[in-house]
Amino acid sequence: MTVGFFTLGCKVNQADSDAISAHMAAAGYSPAPPETADIVVVNSCTVTAESDRKTRQMLRRFRKLNQDCVLVLTGCAVQVTDNLAQQYPEVDLILGQRDVCDLAQYIDELLKFNHPIVSVSSRQRNEAFGSPAQSLSSTRATLKIQDGCDHFCSYCIIPHARGPVRSKPLDDVRNEAKSLVSQGFREIVLVGINLAAYGKGHDYNLGDAVLAVGESGVARIRLGSLEPDLLNESITETLSRIKALCPHFHISLQSGCDSTLTRMGRRYDTLYYADLMVRLRHLFPSASITTDIMVGFPGETEQDHAQSLAFVKQMAFSKVHVFPFSSRPGTPAATFANQLSKAEKQQRVQEALSLAKSLNRSFLAAQIGQTHEVLLEQPNKNGELQGYAANYTPVVVRDATPAQQSQLVRVSISHVDGEQCIGTVTR
């Protein structure tokens, strides 16, 4: 039988889907597109009400396209939704994150007894992080080392969906990294729901995890999204000594206005955040720093919004992900007064996007004339090899040869084309 996956949400969700896929392969299932697979797994995201809507939309789509499939729902939405069978009537099998590693056994039970199954444990699996990391491409692999979050920001349901902070044991991190290198991967991306919280409750931290991965001999280590309040001086100093670590940091900001950060329940202010940026740029002079910002949070005034954008500009991020506040039932922010209208939020999104594009153009322009090591990955639609510099600059290398695919190549940046740099191999 065949199994196909459709994953919504973050890189951690993708890592989870890859782990489930590995379990299913071990059980004898073959991969197939979800449009035609015998088993279709939708791994849901529930970070916003819009995410829930997209999950329902995809379930209806796959039921219509592939009427005879066994339709499976898992992911964050399952952990925080009541009356699951009524909410998702088109689904045959609903499994929580603790249960989904046993998907093959549940499929056998479903086929034997021919009745829908709902199995959702409220207790998270403390010891399990799925199978060892799976590939993002022929050159990069993602390694999930952390799950859960204890922050409970006022807009976020994820701590309820993912449970408390858990960390993959340091020896497991070390051994899985070595396994990935032995398979030929050149870059390992470390991910987690709250990655900077890795090691909480233990005598190790994120710096120790990166050191352990570095022992594998991998050419590059890249970090997923990080919460700023947990990046203390000890961790950043350790990171600066790891040669393989890519100088790219995605540090979640959410707002550049202190009063908004307070209402969000964030655990830092703009002064702390700015000091962290200075420290990172001192330790990593060539670093690119990217972020997320939310606009239109309840109670955000025009002055708050302008203050937030001014701070974003001051930080000179290389890339900014912009999204409007989306009320998520079950979170405190959903009940806050002074909710903004959709039109107000969209206007602020456009203003933030305009700033984000300007910052990105400046960052890319600053790469012209520089030479970067680029890890060449898949060819683009024109057949030209493309990849990323260590600081996450996207680069198209027009004179690269097929033999250089999956290799680190020194590239001289000549110009910018849209949202990517163009370069040539240095001889």
Protein backbone atom coordinates (compact mmCIF):
# COMPACT_ATOMS: atom_id res chain seq x y z
CA MET A 1 0.00 0.00 0.00
CA THR A 2 1.02 3.60 -0.53
CA VAL A 3 1.01 6.61 1.78
CA GLY A 4 1.09 10.32 0.98
CA PHE A 5 1.53 13.36 3.21
CA PHE A 6 0.32 16.94 3.19
CA THR A 7 1.94 19.09 5.86
CA LEU A 8 0.79 22.50 7.01
CA GLY A 9 2.72 24.88 9.23
CA CYS A 10 6.28 25.02 10.42
CA LYS A 11 9.52 23.12 9.80
CA VAL A 12 8.91 21.10 12.96
CA ASN A 13 5.67 19.82 11.47
CA GLN A 14 7.59 18.85 8.34
CA ALA A 15 10.16 17.04 10.47
CA ASP A 16 7.30 15.20 12.20
CA SER A 17 5.81 14.19 8.84
CA ASP A 18 9.20 12.93 7.71
CA ALA A 19 9.50 10.86 10.89
CA ILE A 20 6.04 9.35 10.36
CA SER A 21 6.97 8.63 6.74
CA ALA A 22 10.08 6.75 7.91
CA HIS A 23 7.97 4.66 10.28
CA MET A 24 5.56 3.83 7.47
CA ALA A 25 8.40 2.90 5.11
CA ALA A 26 9.74 0.53 7.76
CA ALA A 27 6.27 -1.02 7.93
CA GLY A 28 6.31 -1.70 4.18
CA TYR A 29 4.38 1.30 2.82
CA SER A 30 5.56 3.06 -0.34
CA PRO A 31 5.43 6.84 -0.85
CA ALA A 32 2.93 8.36 -3.26
CA PRO A 33 1.33 11.76 -3.90
CA PRO A 34 -1.62 12.36 -1.56
CA GLU A 35 -3.90 12.77 -4.56
CA THR A 36 -3.47 9.06 -5.40
CA ALA A 37 -2.15 7.36 -2.23
CA ASP A 38 -4.04 4.61 -0.40
CA ILE A 39 -3.35 6.37 2.90
CA VAL A 40 -3.43 10.17 3.03
CA VAL A 41 -2.00 11.89 6.12
CA VAL A 42 -2.79 15.56 6.74
CA ASN A 43 -0.47 16.99 9.38
CA SER A 44 -2.32 20.03 10.69
CA CYS A 45 -1.28 23.45 11.96
CA THR A 46 -3.46 25.33 14.42
CA VAL A 47 -1.42 28.46 15.15
CA THR A 48 -4.28 30.69 13.89
CA ALA A 49 -7.94 30.34 12.98
CA GLU A 50 -6.81 30.61 9.35
CA SER A 51 -4.58 27.58 9.87
CA ASP A 52 -7.59 25.61 11.10
CA ARG A 53 -9.55 26.70 8.03
CA LYS A 54 -6.76 25.52 5.71
CA THR A 55 -6.68 22.15 7.48
CA ARG A 56 -10.41 21.65 6.89
CA GLN A 57 -10.02 22.81 3.30
CA MET A 58 -7.29 20.27 2.58
CA LEU A 59 -9.24 17.43 4.20
CA ARG A 60 -12.25 18.18 1.99
CA ARG A 61 -10.00 18.46 -1.06
CA PHE A 62 -8.33 15.09 -0.56
CA ARG A 63 -11.62 13.37 0.23
CA LYS A 64 -13.02 14.70 -3.05
CA LEU A 65 -9.93 13.88 -5.14
CA ASN A 66 -9.22 10.50 -3.56
CA GLN A 67 -12.54 9.16 -2.36
CA ASP A 68 -11.39 5.62 -1.52
CA CYS A 69 -8.33 6.57 0.52
CA VAL A 70 -7.94 6.17 4.25
CA LEU A 71 -7.84 9.80 5.36
CA VAL A 72 -5.73 10.46 8.46
CA LEU A 73 -5.55 13.66 10.49
CA THR A 74 -2.77 14.43 12.96
CA GLY A 75 -0.80 17.44 14.15
CA CYS A 76 -1.39 20.38 16.44
CA ALA A 77 -5.08 20.92 15.62
CA VAL A 78 -5.89 17.45 16.93
CA GLN A 79 -4.45 18.26 20.36
CA VAL A 80 -6.61 21.34 21.01
CA THR A 81 -9.93 20.58 19.29
CA ASP A 82 -12.96 19.17 21.08
CA ASN A 83 -15.46 16.74 19.52
CA LEU A 84 -12.99 15.68 16.86
CA ALA A 85 -15.25 13.17 15.11
CA GLN A 86 -17.95 15.81 14.70
CA GLN A 87 -15.48 18.51 13.66
CA TYR A 88 -13.84 16.33 10.99
CA PRO A 89 -16.53 13.97 9.66
CA GLU A 90 -14.63 13.15 6.44
CA VAL A 91 -11.67 11.70 8.36
CA ASP A 92 -11.23 7.96 8.98
CA LEU A 93 -8.42 8.09 11.51
CA ILE A 94 -7.53 10.90 13.95
CA LEU A 95 -4.29 10.48 15.88
CA GLY A 96 -2.59 12.71 18.42
CA GLN A 97 1.11 13.41 18.30
CA ARG A 98 1.84 10.72 20.87
CA ASP A 99 -0.12 8.12 18.91
CA VAL A 100 0.85 8.85 15.31
CA CYS A 101 4.19 7.02 15.53
CA ASP A 102 2.04 3.87 15.62
CA LEU A 103 0.15 4.83 12.47
CA ALA A 104 0.77 1.50 10.70
CA GLN A 105 -0.81 -0.45 13.58
CA TYR A 106 -3.82 1.87 13.63
CA ILE A 107 -4.23 1.40 9.87
CA ASP A 108 -4.30 -2.37 10.38
CA GLU A 109 -6.98 -2.00 13.06
CA LEU A 110 -9.03 0.35 10.91
CA LEU A 111 -8.98 -2.00 7.93
CA LYS A 112 -9.77 -5.01 10.10
CA PHE A 113 -12.76 -3.55 11.91
CA ASN A 114 -13.83 -0.95 9.33
CA HIS A 115 -14.77 1.81 11.74
CA PRO A 116 -13.35 5.31 12.32
CA ILE A 117 -10.75 5.65 15.08
CA VAL A 118 -9.94 8.64 17.27
CA SER A 119 -6.92 8.26 19.55
CA VAL A 120 -5.55 11.43 21.13
CA SER A 121 -3.48 11.29 24.30
CA SER A 122 -3.34 14.47 26.34
CA ARG A 123 0.11 13.44 27.55
CA GLN A 124 2.98 14.24 25.22
CA ARG A 125 5.56 11.61 24.41
CA ASN A 126 8.51 12.82 26.49
CA GLU A 127 11.10 10.43 25.14
CA ALA A 128 10.26 10.25 21.44
CA PHE A 129 11.27 12.62 18.68
CA GLY A 130 10.43 10.32 15.82
CA SER A 131 12.97 8.79 13.51
CA PRO A 132 16.35 10.34 12.83
CA ALA A 133 16.31 13.42 10.65
CA GLN A 134 15.04 13.34 7.09
CA SER A 135 16.22 15.26 4.06
CA LEU A 136 15.08 18.73 3.07
CA SER A 137 16.98 18.30 -0.20
CA SER A 138 19.82 16.19 -1.52
CA THR A 139 22.22 18.35 0.47
CA ARG A 140 20.35 19.49 3.61
CA ALA A 141 18.67 17.52 6.36
CA THR A 142 16.53 18.70 9.24
CA LEU A 143 17.19 17.38 12.72
CA LYS A 144 14.46 17.96 15.31
CA ILE A 145 16.07 18.25 18.71
CA GLN A 146 13.38 19.97 20.79
CA ASP A 147 9.60 20.06 21.20
CA GLY A 148 7.11 21.97 23.32
CA CYS A 149 6.97 25.48 24.75
CA ASP A 150 6.39 26.94 28.21
CA HIS A 151 5.98 30.59 27.22
CA PHE A 152 2.18 30.87 26.76
CA CYS A 153 2.22 34.12 24.80
CA SER A 154 -1.25 35.65 24.84
CA TYR A 155 -1.93 35.01 21.14
CA CYS A 156 -0.49 31.47 20.91
CA ILE A 157 -2.19 28.08 21.30
CA ILE A 158 0.94 26.05 20.59
CA PRO A 159 1.97 25.36 24.23
CA HIS A 160 -1.41 23.65 24.65
CA ALA A 161 -0.94 21.68 21.43
CA ARG A 162 2.71 20.73 21.88
CA GLY A 163 3.02 20.47 25.64
CA PRO A 164 6.00 21.43 27.81
CA VAL A 165 9.60 21.75 26.70
CA ARG A 166 11.32 18.44 25.95
CA SER A 167 14.82 17.99 24.56
CA LYS A 168 16.35 15.15 22.59
CA PRO A 169 19.21 13.63 24.63
CA LEU A 170 22.58 15.07 23.69
CA ASP A 171 24.02 11.66 22.77
CA ASP A 172 21.10 11.07 20.39
CA VAL A 173 21.72 14.45 18.75
CA ARG A 174 25.40 13.55 18.32
CA ASN A 175 24.72 10.10 16.91
CA GLU A 176 21.99 11.22 14.50
CA ALA A 177 24.21 13.99 13.17
CA LYS A 178 26.98 11.46 12.50
CA SER A 179 24.47 9.25 10.70
CA LEU A 180 23.40 12.12 8.47
CA VAL A 181 26.98 12.96 7.55
CA SER A 182 27.60 9.31 6.68
CA GLN A 183 24.65 9.55 4.28
CA GLY A 184 26.29 12.44 2.46
CA PHE A 185 24.40 15.46 3.79
CA ARG A 186 26.46 18.66 3.78
CA GLU A 187 24.16 20.78 5.93
CA ILE A 188 22.11 19.98 9.04
CA VAL A 189 19.28 22.29 10.12
CA LEU A 190 18.38 22.08 13.81
CA VAL A 191 14.70 22.71 14.54
CA GLY A 192 12.34 22.79 17.48
CA ILE A 193 9.12 24.44 18.62
CA ASN A 194 11.18 26.62 20.98
CA LEU A 195 14.66 25.71 19.84
CA ALA A 196 16.50 28.09 22.17
CA ALA A 197 14.91 26.26 25.14
CA TYR A 198 16.84 23.10 24.23
CA GLY A 199 18.24 21.50 27.37
CA LYS A 200 15.83 23.12 29.84
CA GLY A 201 15.92 21.08 33.03
CA HIS A 202 19.20 19.42 32.05
CA ASP A 203 22.86 20.33 32.37
CA TYR A 204 23.20 21.16 28.65
CA ASN A 205 21.83 23.84 26.34
CA LEU A 206 21.56 24.83 22.68
CA GLY A 207 25.26 25.63 22.46
CA ASP A 208 26.07 22.10 23.60
CA ALA A 209 23.73 20.65 20.96
CA VAL A 210 25.45 22.62 18.19
CA LEU A 211 28.86 21.54 19.50
CA ALA A 212 27.67 17.92 19.40
CA VAL A 213 26.50 18.29 15.79
CA GLY A 214 29.78 19.97 14.93
CA GLU A 215 31.64 16.85 16.08
CA SER A 216 30.06 14.99 13.17
CA GLY A 217 32.26 16.86 10.70
CA VAL A 218 29.26 18.29 8.82
CA ALA A 219 30.20 21.21 6.60
CA ARG A 220 27.35 23.42 7.78
CA ILE A 221 24.99 23.72 10.72
CA ARG A 222 21.97 25.99 10.47
CA LEU A 223 19.56 26.96 13.24
CA GLY A 224 15.79 27.26 13.01
CA SER A 225 13.74 30.07 14.55
CA LEU A 226 14.92 31.27 17.97
CA GLU A 227 13.26 33.07 20.86
CA PRO A 228 15.40 36.07 21.87
CA ASP A 229 14.96 35.93 25.65
CA LEU A 230 16.73 32.56 25.89
CA LEU A 231 19.87 33.51 23.96
CA ASN A 232 22.12 34.45 26.84
CA GLU A 233 25.75 35.51 26.53
CA SER A 234 27.05 32.04 27.40
CA ILE A 235 25.12 30.40 24.56
CA THR A 236 25.99 33.01 21.93
CA GLU A 237 29.67 32.89 22.96
CA THR A 238 29.65 29.11 22.54
CA LEU A 239 27.96 29.39 19.15
CA SER A 240 30.59 31.86 17.95
CA ARG A 241 33.32 29.24 18.42
CA ILE A 242 31.66 26.64 16.16
CA LYS A 243 33.19 26.97 12.71
CA ALA A 244 30.47 25.04 10.90
CA LEU A 245 27.63 27.21 12.26
CA CYS A 246 26.08 29.37 9.57
CA PRO A 247 25.96 33.09 10.50
CA HIS A 248 22.21 33.36 10.00
CA PHE A 249 19.81 33.84 12.89
CA HIS A 250 16.05 34.01 12.71
CA ILE A 251 15.18 35.84 15.94
CA SER A 252 11.46 36.22 16.48
CA LEU A 253 10.52 39.85 17.27
CA GLN A 254 6.71 39.98 16.83
CA SER A 255 6.60 43.74 17.57
CA GLY A 256 9.01 46.62 17.91
CA CYS A 257 6.70 48.37 20.39
CA ASP A 258 7.19 47.66 24.09
CA SER A 259 3.56 48.12 25.09
CA THR A 260 2.48 45.66 22.39
CA LEU A 261 5.15 43.18 23.49
CA THR A 262 3.79 43.38 27.03
CA ARG A 263 0.22 42.64 25.90
CA MET A 264 1.56 39.78 23.79
CA GLY A 265 3.16 38.25 26.87
CA ARG A 266 6.61 38.31 25.30
CA ARG A 267 9.53 38.00 27.73
CA TYR A 268 11.76 40.82 26.50
CA ASP A 269 11.59 44.45 25.46
CA THR A 270 13.12 46.32 22.54
CA LEU A 271 16.18 47.36 24.57
CA TYR A 272 17.03 43.73 25.32
CA TYR A 273 16.38 42.76 21.70
CA ALA A 274 18.60 45.56 20.35
CA ASP A 275 21.42 44.56 22.72
CA LEU A 276 21.14 40.97 21.47
CA MET A 277 21.45 42.17 17.86
CA VAL A 278 24.59 44.13 18.74
CA ARG A 279 26.08 41.06 20.44
CA LEU A 280 25.30 38.73 17.54
CA ARG A 281 26.71 41.13 14.97
CA HIS A 282 29.85 41.55 17.03
CA LEU A 283 30.34 37.78 17.33
CA PHE A 284 29.27 37.09 13.73
CA PRO A 285 30.31 40.11 11.60
CA SER A 286 28.87 38.66 8.38
CA ALA A 287 25.59 37.54 9.95
CA SER A 288 22.19 38.01 8.43
CA ILE A 289 19.37 38.36 10.93
CA THR A 290 15.79 37.66 9.92
CA THR A 291 12.60 37.93 11.94
CA ASP A 292 8.81 37.75 12.17
CA ILE A 293 6.55 40.67 12.98
CA MET A 294 2.85 40.68 13.72
CA VAL A 295 0.74 43.73 12.92
CA GLY A 296 -2.73 44.65 14.08
CA PHE A 297 -2.52 43.09 17.54
CA PRO A 298 -5.53 44.04 19.70
CA GLY A 299 -5.08 47.53 21.08
CA GLU A 300 -2.23 48.41 18.70
CA THR A 301 -2.55 52.12 17.91
CA GLU A 302 -1.21 53.89 14.84
CA GLN A 303 1.58 55.21 17.05
CA ASP A 304 2.39 51.69 18.28
CA HIS A 305 2.49 50.45 14.70
CA ALA A 306 4.77 53.28 13.59
CA GLN A 307 7.05 52.64 16.56
CA SER A 308 7.23 48.96 15.66
CA LEU A 309 8.19 49.66 12.05
CA ALA A 310 10.79 52.23 13.14
CA PHE A 311 12.42 49.60 15.34
CA VAL A 312 12.37 47.05 12.51
CA LYS A 313 14.10 49.57 10.27
CA GLN A 314 16.66 50.34 12.99
CA MET A 315 17.52 46.63 13.34
CA ALA A 316 18.24 46.42 9.58
CA PHE A 317 16.95 42.87 9.22
CA SER A 318 17.89 41.06 6.04
CA LYS A 319 14.41 39.58 5.72
CA VAL A 320 11.14 40.09 7.59
CA HIS A 321 8.13 37.76 7.59
CA VAL A 322 5.00 39.88 8.05
CA PHE A 323 1.62 38.60 9.12
CA PRO A 324 -1.55 40.12 10.57
CA PHE A 325 -2.88 39.17 13.98
CA SER A 326 -5.34 36.31 13.57
CA SER A 327 -7.58 35.63 16.51
CA ARG A 328 -7.15 32.06 17.74
CA PRO A 329 -10.02 30.78 19.93
CA GLY A 330 -8.69 29.49 23.22
CA THR A 331 -6.04 32.18 23.61
CA PRO A 332 -6.32 35.27 25.86
CA ALA A 333 -5.75 37.66 22.94
CA ALA A 334 -8.91 36.42 21.27
CA THR A 335 -10.90 38.09 24.07
CA PHE A 336 -8.89 41.32 24.29
CA ALA A 337 -10.67 44.62 23.76
CA ASN A 338 -9.99 46.93 20.81
CA GLN A 339 -9.73 44.28 18.11
CA LEU A 340 -8.72 45.87 14.82
CA SER A 341 -10.75 45.52 11.66
CA LYS A 342 -9.57 43.39 8.76
CA ALA A 343 -9.09 46.54 6.67
CA GLU A 344 -6.90 48.14 9.34
CA LYS A 345 -4.76 45.03 9.64
CA GLN A 346 -4.34 44.70 5.89
CA GLN A 347 -3.26 48.32 5.60
CA ARG A 348 -0.60 47.75 8.25
CA VAL A 349 0.51 44.54 6.56
CA GLN A 350 1.12 46.46 3.34
CA GLU A 351 3.13 49.13 5.15
CA ALA A 352 5.22 46.48 6.90
CA LEU A 353 5.74 44.54 3.67
CA SER A 354 6.95 47.68 1.93
CA LEU A 355 9.56 48.17 4.65
CA ALA A 356 10.50 44.47 4.54
CA LYS A 357 11.10 44.60 0.79
CA SER A 358 13.27 47.68 1.18
CA LEU A 359 15.38 46.01 3.88
CA ASN A 360 15.77 42.85 1.82
CA ARG A 361 16.86 44.84 -1.25
CA SER A 362 19.49 46.62 0.85
CA PHE A 363 20.79 43.36 2.24
CA LEU A 364 21.05 41.72 -1.17
CA ALA A 365 22.71 44.79 -2.69
CA ALA A 366 25.33 44.67 0.06
CA GLN A 367 26.37 41.21 -1.16
CA ILE A 368 27.46 42.51 -4.57
CA GLY A 369 31.22 42.19 -4.94
CA GLN A 370 31.50 39.67 -2.12
CA THR A 371 32.61 36.08 -2.47
CA HIS A 372 30.55 33.43 -0.67
CA GLU A 373 30.67 29.69 -0.34
CA VAL A 374 27.38 28.51 -1.79
CA LEU A 375 25.96 25.05 -1.25
CA LEU A 376 24.52 24.24 -4.67
CA GLU A 377 21.20 22.42 -4.57
CA GLN A 378 18.53 21.84 -7.21
CA PRO A 379 18.50 23.61 -10.58
CA ASN A 380 15.87 26.29 -11.14
CA LYS A 381 13.37 26.29 -13.98
CA ASN A 382 16.07 27.57 -16.32
CA GLY A 383 18.39 24.72 -15.43
CA GLU A 384 20.75 26.95 -13.45
CA LEU A 385 22.04 25.62 -10.13
CA GLN A 386 21.02 27.61 -7.08
CA GLY A 387 21.67 27.47 -3.39
CA TYR A 388 22.38 29.48 -0.27
CA ALA A 389 25.43 31.21 1.09
CA ALA A 390 26.21 30.55 4.74
CA ASN A 391 24.40 33.79 5.69
CA TYR A 392 21.30 32.52 3.84
CA THR A 393 21.70 34.74 0.80
CA PRO A 394 19.89 32.97 -2.07
CA VAL A 395 22.27 32.70 -5.02
CA VAL A 396 21.84 31.53 -8.61
CA VAL A 397 25.16 30.41 -10.12
CA ARG A 398 24.74 30.55 -13.86
CA ASP A 399 28.05 28.96 -14.83
CA ALA A 400 27.93 26.08 -12.35
CA THR A 401 28.19 22.60 -13.87
CA PRO A 402 26.01 19.57 -13.05
CA ALA A 403 29.04 17.98 -11.36
CA GLN A 404 29.02 20.81 -8.81
CA GLN A 405 25.51 20.03 -7.58
CA SER A 406 25.51 19.20 -3.83
CA GLN A 407 28.96 20.80 -3.51
CA LEU A 408 30.20 23.89 -1.69
CA VAL A 409 31.45 26.28 -4.35
CA ARG A 410 33.09 29.69 -4.01
CA VAL A 411 30.95 32.22 -5.84
CA SER A 412 31.51 35.88 -6.67
CA ILE A 413 28.29 37.90 -6.47
CA SER A 414 27.84 40.19 -9.48
CA HIS A 415 24.30 41.55 -9.20
CA VAL A 416 20.81 41.15 -7.78
CA ASP A 417 17.84 39.80 -9.71
CA GLY A 418 14.61 40.21 -7.80
CA GLU A 419 14.91 38.46 -4.43
CA GLN A 420 18.12 36.58 -5.20
CA CYS A 421 21.74 37.26 -6.02
CA ILE A 422 23.46 36.19 -9.21
CA GLY A 423 27.03 34.99 -9.17
CA THR A 424 29.76 33.11 -10.98
CA VAL A 425 32.14 30.43 -9.81
CA THR A 426 35.51 31.83 -8.83
CA ARG A 427 38.33 30.08 -10.65
